[in-house]
Amino acid sequence: MKISTIKWSLLVSMLLAVASCDSDFEEINVNPNSPEDVSSALLMPTVIRNSVNEVAGLAWGYGNVVMQYTAKIQFTNEDRYNWGPQGNPYNDFYNALRDVNNIISISQEAGENNYVGAAKIMKSWMYSFMTDTYGDVPYTEATSAKEEINYPVFDRQETIYNGILADLEEANQLLGTSSETLEGDILFDGDIMKWRKFANSLRLRIYMRLSDRVDPSSALQQILANATNNPIITSNEDNAALQYLPEVPNQHPLYTTRSGSFDEYRLSENMETILKSMNDPRLYAYAQPTTGSGAGVVGSPGTYQGVPNGLADEEALQYSPSGDPTQGGSNFISRVGLMFSCSACTSLASPIAYQAMLMSYAEVQFILAEARERGFITTGDAETYYLDGTRASFNYYESRLQVGNFDEIANVVQPGGEYFTQPAVAYTGSTEEKLEKIGRQKWIALFFNGMEAWFDWRRTGYPEIIPGPAAFIPTVPVRFMYPTTVQALNAENYNAVISVQGPDQVTTRVWWDVD
């Protein structure tokens, strides 16, 4: 009897222990090194860093080349428009957008409007980049796997931009309506006003992007009519630019690349010609004197030489600017400027001089100059906007060169007063001539700014870009092809989008790109 009682007592104790373990199972069985709930502060820096670095890489590999700032002297497929399906930014951005959705969801539940606003701005920037790159992309059903939508439809670009503009307006209104600090904000260091300025400046960019389809006058004027409610970028200090740091892994991507990869890209002959024709001292920031010239950090204009875009591999590698075959090859063609250089390329390289630019004060001023010249706005003076944008670009490079300790270049990168009075720069002539000058200066200022110069050129046609002699197609590409994963895994919706947008080719124009 006593034995049975003891057994029964043990059994009850074991059952209670098991029940107790079961009731605490979800709390106990959590890996602290792999938490299921991540804060917005932890998600935000990864979202910003990964998406901005993706755009910086695209600037180097495609944007600078297709807009003929640079040209390739090895492996010249990109320069000859032999572009196949492009997995990025498509894949990386959709991965980042899942985290953006998590930030919005987490922060809305916590009443943290500042995080919601900043996340919506990043979402808008990424979607605008993707739709300008590919055309129609998944939007309303994108990143909805939790809702069991694994094969999202492709939205028309008009729908996407309506959503983007609505999100940017909402973000501008949300920011500053809660008190939390934006920890993890590596773009603006928690400055709410700079986020608002970025949001409204993006709205200006987008309305001008759509201006051949939709009259932007009312929307632009409404933004500019109330600077308190709709602040915009008003100085280089407001630039939406990711500042890199001296330590690994926060150095700029090119700083850690190998010298051979860096040396594949050289100054374009088109860029050289345009800068030299105006005695534009940004030449000294954008390029280095040729090795063969024997010049130091700064040389005379003649020591900077470009290579034509779109040459075949052998011709590009042996190209001679002088026509003398004994002075041909890489030693006689300028590398990209020192402030962008890699540590393996030169001991002078700086990990912090270059910033990844999302949007600059100079760009905003050129947007306003064009809008005023075309009669979309009545605010301000087109010439003042144009000159302020041009000066802002010079000022920006002077300051960044100083940050990188390139004082010798910084001392010569500012132009004299005669620069602004020469016929190619002075704000004179017909409306078309003025728009061409705005477009040319904007193109120069957008050097290394993602793919923005390409997007803008497709709308304006400034400056003239002519495919090289060995190009695979006779026209400049106007979009990326969808990645092969889309064709394989979302075939039904892929076939539906190309039946509406047009063939999945680099020559198919997106909706806003009116011929």
Protein backbone atom coordinates (compact mmCIF):
# COMPACT_ATOMS: atom_id res chain seq x y z
CA MET A 1 0.00 0.00 0.00
CA LYS A 2 2.76 2.34 0.91
CA ILE A 3 4.59 1.41 -2.30
CA SER A 4 1.50 2.14 -4.42
CA THR A 5 1.05 5.49 -2.73
CA ILE A 6 4.65 6.39 -3.40
CA LYS A 7 4.31 5.40 -7.09
CA TRP A 8 1.13 7.44 -7.44
CA SER A 9 2.79 10.48 -5.86
CA LEU A 10 5.71 10.20 -8.25
CA LEU A 11 3.38 9.93 -11.22
CA VAL A 12 1.44 13.04 -10.20
CA SER A 13 4.68 14.95 -9.68
CA MET A 14 5.92 13.95 -13.14
CA LEU A 15 2.65 14.99 -14.80
CA LEU A 16 2.74 18.35 -13.07
CA ALA A 17 6.34 18.83 -14.14
CA VAL A 18 5.49 18.00 -17.74
CA ALA A 19 2.52 20.37 -17.68
CA SER A 20 4.71 23.08 -16.24
CA CYS A 21 7.32 22.53 -18.99
CA ASP A 22 4.63 22.63 -21.69
CA SER A 23 3.15 25.88 -20.37
CA ASP A 24 6.53 27.64 -20.57
CA PHE A 25 7.70 25.93 -23.77
CA GLU A 26 7.32 28.90 -26.12
CA GLU A 27 9.18 31.21 -23.72
CA ILE A 28 12.00 28.77 -22.97
CA ASN A 29 12.52 27.33 -26.46
CA VAL A 30 13.72 30.57 -28.08
CA ASN A 31 17.19 30.96 -29.52
CA PRO A 32 18.48 34.33 -28.22
CA ASN A 33 20.91 34.47 -31.16
CA SER A 34 18.08 34.19 -33.70
CA PRO A 35 15.13 36.20 -32.37
CA GLU A 36 11.80 35.99 -34.18
CA ASP A 37 10.88 39.61 -33.40
CA VAL A 38 13.40 42.19 -34.54
CA SER A 39 13.08 45.89 -33.76
CA SER A 40 12.83 48.60 -36.39
CA ALA A 41 16.11 50.02 -35.09
CA LEU A 42 17.88 46.78 -36.02
CA LEU A 43 16.19 46.41 -39.40
CA MET A 44 16.68 49.96 -40.65
CA PRO A 45 20.49 50.08 -41.11
CA THR A 46 20.46 46.85 -43.09
CA VAL A 47 17.66 48.11 -45.34
CA ILE A 48 19.49 51.35 -46.02
CA ARG A 49 22.97 49.87 -46.43
CA ASN A 50 22.00 46.97 -48.70
CA SER A 51 19.73 48.95 -51.01
CA VAL A 52 22.05 51.96 -51.31
CA ASN A 53 25.10 49.77 -51.91
CA GLU A 54 23.18 47.96 -54.64
CA VAL A 55 22.56 51.27 -56.41
CA ALA A 56 26.19 52.33 -55.93
CA GLY A 57 27.28 49.09 -57.59
CA LEU A 58 24.88 49.63 -60.49
CA ALA A 59 26.27 53.14 -60.95
CA TRP A 60 29.75 51.72 -61.36
CA GLY A 61 28.82 48.76 -63.55
CA TYR A 62 26.06 50.22 -65.74
CA GLY A 63 24.96 53.78 -64.97
CA ASN A 64 28.30 55.50 -65.55
CA VAL A 65 28.92 53.46 -68.69
CA VAL A 66 25.54 53.75 -70.42
CA MET A 67 25.60 57.51 -69.81
CA GLN A 68 29.18 57.70 -71.10
CA TYR A 69 30.82 59.16 -68.03
CA THR A 70 33.11 56.15 -68.19
CA ALA A 71 33.97 53.51 -70.79
CA LYS A 72 35.33 49.99 -70.47
CA ILE A 73 38.68 48.87 -71.79
CA GLN A 74 38.22 45.19 -70.84
CA PHE A 75 35.21 42.87 -70.92
CA THR A 76 33.23 45.51 -72.78
CA ASN A 77 29.82 43.81 -72.98
CA GLU A 78 28.12 46.41 -70.77
CA ASP A 79 29.51 49.19 -72.96
CA ARG A 80 28.29 47.45 -76.10
CA TYR A 81 24.77 46.92 -74.73
CA ASN A 82 25.06 43.15 -74.58
CA TRP A 83 22.72 43.17 -71.59
CA GLY A 84 21.04 39.94 -70.60
CA PRO A 85 18.35 39.44 -67.94
CA GLN A 86 19.24 41.44 -64.81
CA GLY A 87 18.70 39.83 -61.42
CA ASN A 88 19.48 43.05 -59.56
CA PRO A 89 18.21 45.41 -58.33
CA TYR A 90 15.10 43.21 -58.63
CA ASN A 91 16.11 40.42 -56.25
CA ASP A 92 17.98 42.49 -53.67
CA PHE A 93 15.32 45.18 -53.53
CA TYR A 94 12.45 42.76 -53.00
CA ASN A 95 14.43 41.14 -50.18
CA ALA A 96 14.93 44.57 -48.64
CA LEU A 97 11.28 45.47 -49.12
CA ARG A 98 10.24 42.54 -46.93
CA ASP A 99 12.19 44.15 -44.10
CA VAL A 100 10.63 47.51 -44.95
CA ASN A 101 7.19 45.95 -44.55
CA ASN A 102 8.29 44.54 -41.19
CA ILE A 103 9.44 47.99 -40.04
CA ILE A 104 6.10 49.49 -41.03
CA SER A 105 4.12 46.73 -39.33
CA ILE A 106 6.17 46.76 -36.12
CA SER A 107 6.21 50.55 -35.90
CA GLN A 108 2.53 51.05 -36.66
CA GLU A 109 1.66 48.69 -33.81
CA ALA A 110 3.98 50.61 -31.49
CA GLY A 111 2.72 54.03 -32.61
CA GLU A 112 6.17 54.96 -33.92
CA ASN A 113 5.23 57.21 -36.83
CA ASN A 114 8.79 58.36 -37.49
CA TYR A 115 9.87 54.83 -38.34
CA VAL A 116 6.78 54.33 -40.48
CA GLY A 117 7.48 57.53 -42.40
CA ALA A 118 11.16 56.75 -43.00
CA ALA A 119 10.32 53.20 -44.10
CA LYS A 120 7.70 54.43 -46.56
CA ILE A 121 10.26 56.81 -48.06
CA MET A 122 12.78 54.00 -48.53
CA LYS A 123 10.01 51.86 -50.02
CA SER A 124 9.11 54.66 -52.43
CA TRP A 125 12.72 55.26 -53.45
CA MET A 126 13.28 51.56 -54.12
CA TYR A 127 10.08 51.10 -56.11
CA SER A 128 10.73 54.21 -58.20
CA PHE A 129 14.20 52.87 -58.97
CA MET A 130 12.87 49.45 -59.92
CA THR A 131 10.02 50.65 -62.10
CA ASP A 132 12.32 53.07 -63.93
CA THR A 133 14.72 50.19 -64.46
CA TYR A 134 12.33 47.41 -65.53
CA GLY A 135 9.00 49.10 -66.21
CA ASP A 136 5.99 47.24 -64.81
CA VAL A 137 6.87 45.28 -61.66
CA PRO A 138 4.96 43.57 -58.82
CA TYR A 139 3.68 46.22 -56.43
CA THR A 140 0.23 45.69 -54.92
CA GLU A 141 0.84 41.96 -54.40
CA ALA A 142 4.60 42.09 -53.88
CA THR A 143 6.23 40.67 -50.73
CA SER A 144 2.90 39.05 -49.77
CA ALA A 145 4.02 35.46 -49.18
CA LYS A 146 2.54 35.57 -45.66
CA GLU A 147 -0.83 36.12 -47.33
CA GLU A 148 -0.06 33.10 -49.52
CA ILE A 149 0.50 35.22 -52.64
CA ASN A 150 3.54 33.53 -54.13
CA TYR A 151 3.02 34.59 -57.73
CA PRO A 152 2.40 38.35 -57.67
CA VAL A 153 0.93 40.17 -60.63
CA PHE A 154 2.85 42.95 -62.33
CA ASP A 155 1.33 46.39 -61.85
CA ARG A 156 1.34 49.03 -64.53
CA GLN A 157 3.88 51.79 -63.99
CA GLU A 158 1.13 54.39 -63.69
CA THR A 159 -0.38 52.45 -60.77
CA ILE A 160 3.01 52.06 -59.11
CA TYR A 161 3.78 55.76 -59.30
CA ASN A 162 0.37 56.71 -57.92
CA GLY A 163 1.12 54.48 -54.93
CA ILE A 164 4.62 55.90 -54.53
CA LEU A 165 3.39 59.50 -54.55
CA ALA A 166 0.69 58.68 -52.02
CA ASP A 167 3.23 57.03 -49.71
CA LEU A 168 5.62 59.96 -49.95
CA GLU A 169 2.90 62.45 -49.11
CA GLU A 170 1.78 60.33 -46.16
CA ALA A 171 5.37 59.94 -44.95
CA ASN A 172 5.89 63.70 -45.01
CA GLN A 173 2.78 64.13 -42.85
CA LEU A 174 3.67 61.31 -40.43
CA LEU A 175 7.25 62.31 -39.70
CA GLY A 176 7.49 64.33 -36.52
CA THR A 177 4.08 63.26 -35.15
CA SER A 178 5.63 60.82 -32.66
CA SER A 179 8.54 61.24 -30.29
CA GLU A 180 10.76 58.20 -30.88
CA THR A 181 14.35 58.69 -32.03
CA LEU A 182 15.25 57.02 -35.33
CA GLU A 183 17.96 54.70 -34.05
CA GLY A 184 19.70 52.77 -36.79
CA ASP A 185 19.25 55.64 -39.24
CA ILE A 186 22.58 55.59 -41.05
CA LEU A 187 21.33 57.90 -43.81
CA PHE A 188 20.29 61.03 -41.87
CA ASP A 189 21.38 60.15 -38.31
CA GLY A 190 17.82 60.49 -37.04
CA ASP A 191 17.20 63.95 -38.53
CA ILE A 192 13.42 63.99 -39.14
CA MET A 193 13.51 67.20 -41.17
CA LYS A 194 16.02 65.74 -43.62
CA TRP A 195 13.77 62.72 -44.15
CA ARG A 196 10.88 65.07 -44.92
CA LYS A 197 13.03 67.09 -47.33
CA PHE A 198 14.06 63.88 -49.08
CA ALA A 199 10.41 62.77 -49.39
CA ASN A 200 9.24 66.03 -50.95
CA SER A 201 12.27 66.32 -53.22
CA LEU A 202 11.55 62.80 -54.48
CA ARG A 203 8.03 63.97 -55.24
CA LEU A 204 9.48 66.76 -57.40
CA ARG A 205 11.69 64.26 -59.24
CA ILE A 206 8.78 61.91 -59.88
CA TYR A 207 6.37 64.56 -61.11
CA MET A 208 9.00 65.69 -63.61
CA ARG A 209 9.66 62.07 -64.58
CA LEU A 210 5.98 61.74 -65.50
CA SER A 211 5.71 65.16 -67.13
CA ASP A 212 5.42 63.87 -70.69
CA ARG A 213 2.42 61.79 -69.60
CA VAL A 214 0.78 63.88 -66.88
CA ASP A 215 0.84 67.67 -66.45
CA PRO A 216 2.75 68.18 -63.18
CA SER A 217 1.97 71.90 -62.79
CA SER A 218 -0.65 71.76 -60.03
CA ALA A 219 1.20 69.14 -57.96
CA LEU A 220 4.57 70.89 -58.21
CA GLN A 221 3.13 74.29 -57.37
CA GLN A 222 1.29 72.84 -54.38
CA ILE A 223 4.51 71.41 -52.95
CA LEU A 224 6.46 74.62 -53.46
CA ALA A 225 3.69 76.90 -52.15
CA ASN A 226 4.18 75.83 -48.54
CA ALA A 227 7.79 75.26 -47.49
CA THR A 228 6.73 74.64 -43.89
CA ASN A 229 4.41 71.76 -44.74
CA ASN A 230 6.48 70.51 -47.69
CA PRO A 231 10.18 71.21 -47.04
CA ILE A 232 12.61 70.27 -49.79
CA ILE A 233 16.39 69.90 -50.02
CA THR A 234 17.84 73.43 -49.88
CA SER A 235 21.60 72.91 -49.52
CA ASN A 236 24.35 70.32 -49.87
CA GLU A 237 23.97 69.70 -46.14
CA ASP A 238 20.53 68.22 -46.89
CA ASN A 239 21.78 65.77 -49.53
CA ALA A 240 20.38 62.26 -49.28
CA ALA A 241 23.81 60.60 -49.32
CA LEU A 242 25.11 57.58 -47.45
CA GLN A 243 28.34 58.50 -45.68
CA TYR A 244 30.80 55.63 -45.60
CA LEU A 245 33.13 55.03 -42.67
CA PRO A 246 36.85 54.22 -42.40
CA GLU A 247 36.34 50.79 -40.82
CA VAL A 248 35.40 47.50 -42.46
CA PRO A 249 32.62 46.72 -43.41
CA ASN A 250 31.39 50.30 -43.69
CA GLN A 251 33.83 51.54 -46.31
CA HIS A 252 32.47 52.37 -49.74
CA PRO A 253 32.21 49.31 -52.02
CA LEU A 254 34.88 50.38 -54.52
CA TYR A 255 37.45 50.95 -51.77
CA THR A 256 37.75 47.21 -51.21
CA THR A 257 37.57 46.08 -54.83
CA ARG A 258 40.62 44.64 -56.57
CA SER A 259 42.70 46.97 -58.73
CA GLY A 260 42.10 44.96 -61.90
CA SER A 261 38.34 45.40 -61.59
CA PHE A 262 38.70 49.11 -60.89
CA ASP A 263 41.00 49.57 -63.88
CA GLU A 264 38.48 48.11 -66.34
CA TYR A 265 36.59 51.42 -66.19
CA ARG A 266 38.18 54.57 -67.58
CA LEU A 267 37.21 58.13 -68.47
CA SER A 268 34.88 58.26 -71.44
CA GLU A 269 35.93 60.30 -74.45
CA ASN A 270 32.46 61.86 -74.48
CA MET A 271 32.81 63.06 -70.89
CA GLU A 272 36.33 64.29 -71.58
CA THR A 273 35.20 66.24 -74.64
CA ILE A 274 32.26 67.94 -72.92
CA LEU A 275 34.23 68.93 -69.82
CA LYS A 276 37.21 70.20 -71.78
CA SER A 277 35.02 72.16 -74.19
CA MET A 278 33.80 74.25 -71.24
CA ASN A 279 37.09 74.29 -69.27
CA ASP A 280 35.13 72.51 -66.55
CA PRO A 281 37.42 71.75 -63.58
CA ARG A 282 35.28 68.83 -62.42
CA LEU A 283 37.50 66.95 -64.86
CA TYR A 284 40.10 66.87 -62.07
CA ALA A 285 37.61 65.25 -59.65
CA TYR A 286 36.15 62.75 -62.10
CA ALA A 287 39.41 61.47 -63.59
CA GLN A 288 43.13 61.07 -62.96
CA PRO A 289 46.00 62.11 -65.23
CA THR A 290 47.18 59.26 -67.43
CA THR A 291 50.03 57.18 -66.09
CA GLY A 292 51.93 57.73 -69.33
CA SER A 293 51.82 61.51 -68.91
CA GLY A 294 53.97 61.38 -65.80
CA ALA A 295 51.76 63.99 -64.14
CA GLY A 296 51.10 63.95 -60.42
CA VAL A 297 47.76 64.14 -58.62
CA VAL A 298 46.72 67.08 -60.82
CA GLY A 299 47.89 67.58 -64.37
CA SER A 300 47.19 69.94 -67.25
CA PRO A 301 44.00 69.28 -69.24
CA GLY A 302 46.05 67.48 -71.88
CA THR A 303 47.10 64.81 -69.39
CA TYR A 304 43.49 63.64 -69.04
CA GLN A 305 42.43 61.37 -71.88
CA GLY A 306 39.30 59.33 -72.45
CA VAL A 307 38.45 56.30 -74.53
CA PRO A 308 35.41 56.02 -76.85
CA ASN A 309 32.47 54.00 -75.60
CA GLY A 310 31.37 50.82 -77.26
CA LEU A 311 34.66 49.51 -78.62
CA ALA A 312 35.35 45.79 -78.98
CA ASP A 313 37.65 44.29 -76.35
CA GLU A 314 40.86 44.33 -78.37
CA GLU A 315 40.33 47.84 -79.78
CA ALA A 316 39.45 49.24 -76.35
CA LEU A 317 42.50 47.77 -74.64
CA GLN A 318 44.87 49.07 -77.32
CA TYR A 319 43.19 52.42 -77.93
CA SER A 320 45.52 55.38 -78.45
CA PRO A 321 44.07 58.88 -77.85
CA SER A 322 46.84 60.40 -79.97
CA GLY A 323 46.51 57.87 -82.80
CA ASP A 324 50.11 56.80 -82.26
CA PRO A 325 50.11 53.02 -81.66
CA THR A 326 53.24 53.36 -79.51
CA GLN A 327 51.18 55.49 -77.11
CA GLY A 328 48.21 53.17 -76.91
CA GLY A 329 46.83 51.11 -74.06
CA SER A 330 45.81 51.63 -70.48
CA ASN A 331 48.78 53.85 -69.55
CA PHE A 332 47.44 56.53 -71.90
CA ILE A 333 43.81 56.51 -70.75
CA SER A 334 42.66 58.17 -67.52
CA ARG A 335 41.42 56.18 -64.57
CA VAL A 336 38.33 57.29 -62.64
CA GLY A 337 39.05 60.05 -60.10
CA LEU A 338 41.04 59.49 -56.92
CA MET A 339 38.10 60.13 -54.58
CA PHE A 340 36.46 56.96 -55.95
CA SER A 341 39.61 54.84 -56.04
CA CYS A 342 40.28 51.47 -54.38
CA SER A 343 42.84 50.89 -51.64
CA ALA A 344 44.64 48.31 -53.79
CA CYS A 345 44.97 50.89 -56.58
CA THR A 346 46.79 53.65 -54.72
CA SER A 347 47.97 54.55 -51.23
CA LEU A 348 46.14 57.86 -51.68
CA ALA A 349 42.69 56.22 -51.78
CA SER A 350 40.16 57.39 -49.21
CA PRO A 351 37.45 55.19 -47.69
CA ILE A 352 35.24 58.20 -46.86
CA ALA A 353 35.54 60.81 -49.64
CA TYR A 354 32.94 59.15 -51.85
CA GLN A 355 29.31 59.10 -50.74
CA ALA A 356 26.54 57.03 -52.32
CA MET A 357 24.12 59.69 -53.54
CA LEU A 358 20.38 59.12 -53.53
CA MET A 359 19.42 62.71 -54.26
CA SER A 360 21.37 65.97 -54.19
CA TYR A 361 20.68 69.65 -53.79
CA ALA A 362 22.12 70.19 -57.27
CA GLU A 363 19.57 67.81 -58.79
CA VAL A 364 16.69 69.55 -57.01
CA GLN A 365 17.80 72.90 -58.39
CA PHE A 366 17.98 71.54 -61.94
CA ILE A 367 14.51 70.03 -61.53
CA LEU A 368 13.19 73.45 -60.50
CA ALA A 369 15.05 75.18 -63.34
CA GLU A 370 13.48 72.90 -65.93
CA ALA A 371 10.03 73.13 -64.31
CA ARG A 372 10.21 76.94 -64.32
CA GLU A 373 11.54 77.11 -67.89
CA ARG A 374 8.75 74.82 -69.12
CA GLY A 375 6.10 76.83 -67.29
CA PHE A 376 5.13 74.11 -64.83
CA ILE A 377 5.78 76.40 -61.86
CA THR A 378 5.60 80.14 -61.29
CA THR A 379 7.84 80.10 -58.23
CA GLY A 380 11.40 81.44 -58.48
CA ASP A 381 13.62 82.16 -61.45
CA ALA A 382 14.86 79.50 -63.89
CA GLU A 383 18.31 81.07 -64.31
CA THR A 384 18.82 81.32 -60.55
CA TYR A 385 17.85 77.66 -60.07
CA TYR A 386 20.18 76.66 -62.92
CA LEU A 387 23.17 78.60 -61.60
CA ASP A 388 22.58 77.47 -58.02
CA GLY A 389 22.48 73.85 -59.19
CA THR A 390 25.71 74.25 -61.12
CA ARG A 391 27.50 75.93 -58.21
CA ALA A 392 26.18 73.32 -55.79
CA SER A 393 27.89 70.60 -57.82
CA PHE A 394 31.25 72.38 -57.73
CA ASN A 395 30.87 73.08 -54.00
CA TYR A 396 30.00 69.47 -53.29
CA TYR A 397 33.12 68.12 -54.97
CA GLU A 398 35.36 70.68 -53.34
CA SER A 399 34.08 69.63 -49.91
CA ARG A 400 34.30 65.88 -50.58
CA LEU A 401 37.83 66.18 -51.91
CA GLN A 402 38.78 68.01 -48.73
CA VAL A 403 37.23 65.23 -46.63
CA GLY A 404 39.41 62.73 -48.48
CA ASN A 405 42.55 64.88 -47.98
CA PHE A 406 42.80 65.55 -51.72
CA ASP A 407 43.53 69.21 -51.11
CA GLU A 408 45.58 69.60 -54.27
CA ILE A 409 42.53 68.64 -56.35
CA ALA A 410 40.09 70.56 -54.13
CA ASN A 411 42.10 73.74 -54.76
CA VAL A 412 41.51 73.57 -58.54
CA VAL A 413 37.98 72.12 -58.79
CA GLN A 414 36.19 75.48 -58.51
CA PRO A 415 35.77 77.46 -61.77
CA GLY A 416 36.47 81.13 -62.27
CA GLY A 417 33.73 83.63 -63.03
CA GLU A 418 34.34 83.32 -66.77
CA TYR A 419 33.00 79.76 -66.64
CA PHE A 420 29.44 81.01 -66.13
CA THR A 421 29.59 83.67 -68.86
CA GLN A 422 30.82 81.46 -71.71
CA PRO A 423 28.19 80.71 -74.40
CA ALA A 424 27.95 77.00 -73.52
CA VAL A 425 27.04 77.80 -69.90
CA ALA A 426 25.44 81.26 -69.78
CA TYR A 427 21.65 81.06 -69.43
CA THR A 428 20.87 82.57 -72.79
CA GLY A 429 19.19 81.50 -76.02
CA SER A 430 15.88 79.94 -76.92
CA THR A 431 13.84 77.82 -74.54
CA GLU A 432 15.19 74.70 -76.21
CA GLU A 433 18.77 75.93 -75.87
CA LYS A 434 18.20 76.71 -72.19
CA LEU A 435 16.70 73.28 -71.58
CA GLU A 436 19.72 71.73 -73.27
CA LYS A 437 22.05 73.66 -70.95
CA ILE A 438 20.05 72.56 -67.90
CA GLY A 439 20.17 68.97 -69.15
CA ARG A 440 23.91 69.07 -69.77
CA GLN A 441 24.76 70.54 -66.37
CA LYS A 442 22.39 68.10 -64.68
CA TRP A 443 24.09 65.22 -66.49
CA ILE A 444 27.51 66.36 -65.31
CA ALA A 445 26.26 66.75 -61.73
CA LEU A 446 24.64 63.30 -61.72
CA PHE A 447 27.97 61.52 -62.21
CA PHE A 448 28.01 58.33 -60.14
CA ASN A 449 24.45 58.93 -58.89
CA GLY A 450 23.05 55.45 -59.36
CA MET A 451 21.13 55.16 -62.63
CA GLU A 452 19.46 58.56 -62.29
CA ALA A 453 21.28 60.14 -65.24
CA TRP A 454 20.06 57.26 -67.43
CA PHE A 455 16.49 57.61 -66.21
CA ASP A 456 16.56 61.37 -66.84
CA TRP A 457 18.27 61.08 -70.23
CA ARG A 458 15.54 58.74 -71.45
CA ARG A 459 13.07 61.57 -70.79
CA THR A 460 15.06 64.59 -71.98
CA GLY A 461 17.60 63.27 -74.50
CA TYR A 462 20.32 65.52 -73.02
CA PRO A 463 23.20 65.24 -73.70
CA GLU A 464 23.51 63.35 -76.97
CA ILE A 465 24.56 59.73 -76.38
CA ILE A 466 25.66 57.78 -79.46
CA PRO A 467 26.23 54.00 -79.31
CA GLY A 468 29.80 52.91 -79.96
CA PRO A 469 31.00 51.26 -83.17
CA ALA A 470 30.92 47.71 -81.78
CA ALA A 471 27.53 48.02 -80.03
CA PHE A 472 25.27 44.98 -80.34
CA ILE A 473 22.24 47.22 -80.99
CA PRO A 474 22.05 50.59 -82.75
CA THR A 475 20.25 52.41 -79.92
CA VAL A 476 20.95 53.09 -76.25
CA PRO A 477 19.07 50.64 -73.96
CA VAL A 478 15.98 52.04 -72.26
CA ARG A 479 15.26 49.33 -69.67
CA PHE A 480 16.59 46.18 -68.01
CA MET A 481 15.24 42.75 -68.91
CA TYR A 482 13.47 40.87 -66.13
CA PRO A 483 15.62 38.30 -64.29
CA THR A 484 15.45 34.69 -65.44
CA THR A 485 13.98 33.66 -62.08
CA VAL A 486 10.86 35.69 -62.89
CA GLN A 487 10.50 33.97 -66.24
CA ALA A 488 10.91 30.55 -64.62
CA LEU A 489 8.98 30.92 -61.36
CA ASN A 490 6.23 33.43 -62.24
CA ALA A 491 5.71 32.55 -65.88
CA GLU A 492 1.98 33.28 -66.10
CA ASN A 493 2.31 36.82 -64.79
CA TYR A 494 5.55 37.33 -66.74
CA ASN A 495 3.76 36.46 -69.99
CA ALA A 496 0.89 38.74 -69.02
CA VAL A 497 3.13 41.76 -68.41
CA ILE A 498 5.07 41.49 -71.67
CA SER A 499 1.79 41.15 -73.58
CA VAL A 500 0.86 44.60 -72.24
CA GLN A 501 4.19 46.42 -71.80
CA GLY A 502 5.90 44.95 -74.84
CA PRO A 503 8.70 42.46 -75.50
CA ASP A 504 11.14 41.80 -72.67
CA GLN A 505 13.94 43.59 -74.46
CA VAL A 506 16.28 46.47 -73.59
CA THR A 507 14.73 48.53 -76.41
CA THR A 508 11.13 48.43 -75.07
CA ARG A 509 10.18 51.79 -73.57
CA VAL A 510 8.50 52.04 -70.17
CA TRP A 511 5.16 53.85 -69.82
CA TRP A 512 6.46 57.33 -68.99
CA ASP A 513 9.18 57.21 -71.67
CA VAL A 514 7.27 58.83 -74.52
CA ASP A 515 9.08 58.67 -77.85
